[in-house]
Structure formats: structure tokens, C-alpha cells
Amino acid sequence: QVQLVESGGGLVQAGDSLRLSCVVSGRLFSRHGMGWFRQAPGKEREFVATISWNSGYTYYSDSVKGRFTISRDNAKSTIYLQMNTLKAEDTAIYYCATHRFEWGSSPDSDRRSYDYWGQGTQVTVSS
């Protein structure tokens, strides 16, 4: 059974930083690209960032580019999302997800391409 567990969310002020973590079990983690998505109240889940199986590429939404950094540690089956200069509009539940195909070679921001999801972690940024 594949499980993804996010952690690291919380309540911060605008301009602060947070680092989210996502631990994956039950899948050959090192073969799959990973992604972070977020969902704000009343809005659809949206793409935030993705990283390839070997960290060969990373790709970000325009709204977080330059502020967020995705990374992974295959030895720990964990991905991270370092979030700097947080804004009120970053407030959302953040989800990690695994890409359904192995050895992906190009970034994929389509949430339909991701098959396993964590339960989410709340990030609240006060202005």
C-alpha cells in the first residue's frame, strides 16, 4: 500500500519561511517524479512544483517561481518544499503526490498524471 505523509505546515506571517516534507512508503520512490499541489478554500487544486525521479529537472508554477524550491532525498524517500517570502495568497492545504509513470523525462503539471496523494498539510499565511 502506497502512503504519502506530509508535515511542516503551520501558521506564519507574510514574509516568513516554511519547509514542507513528504515521506513516501510502499512504492519504488526513486523511480517516480513527485509533485506538490495546493488547494485554497473554494478553489480547485493547483500545481505548485514538480521534480524528476533523479532531480534532473524541477519546474514551478509562475506564482511560486523564485520563492519556492522543491528537492528530494531518495535515500529517505522524502521530498521537500522550501517556501520563502510567503504571501497571504499562499494560504492553502498543500499536497504531495507521486507521478504515475517511472523514469519520467519531462515536467508534468497536470494533476491527473499523479496517482497517489497525501492527506495534506495546512499552510496559513497572515498578512
Foldseek 3Di string as FASTA:
>chain_A
DKAKAKDWADEEAAQAKIKMKIAIPDDQLLFWKKFKWWDDPPGDIFGAKIAGSPNPDIDGDPVQPPFWDWDDDSVRNMIMIIGGRDDQVVWTWMKMFIFPDTPDDDDDGDPVRTDDMHPTDTHGYHD
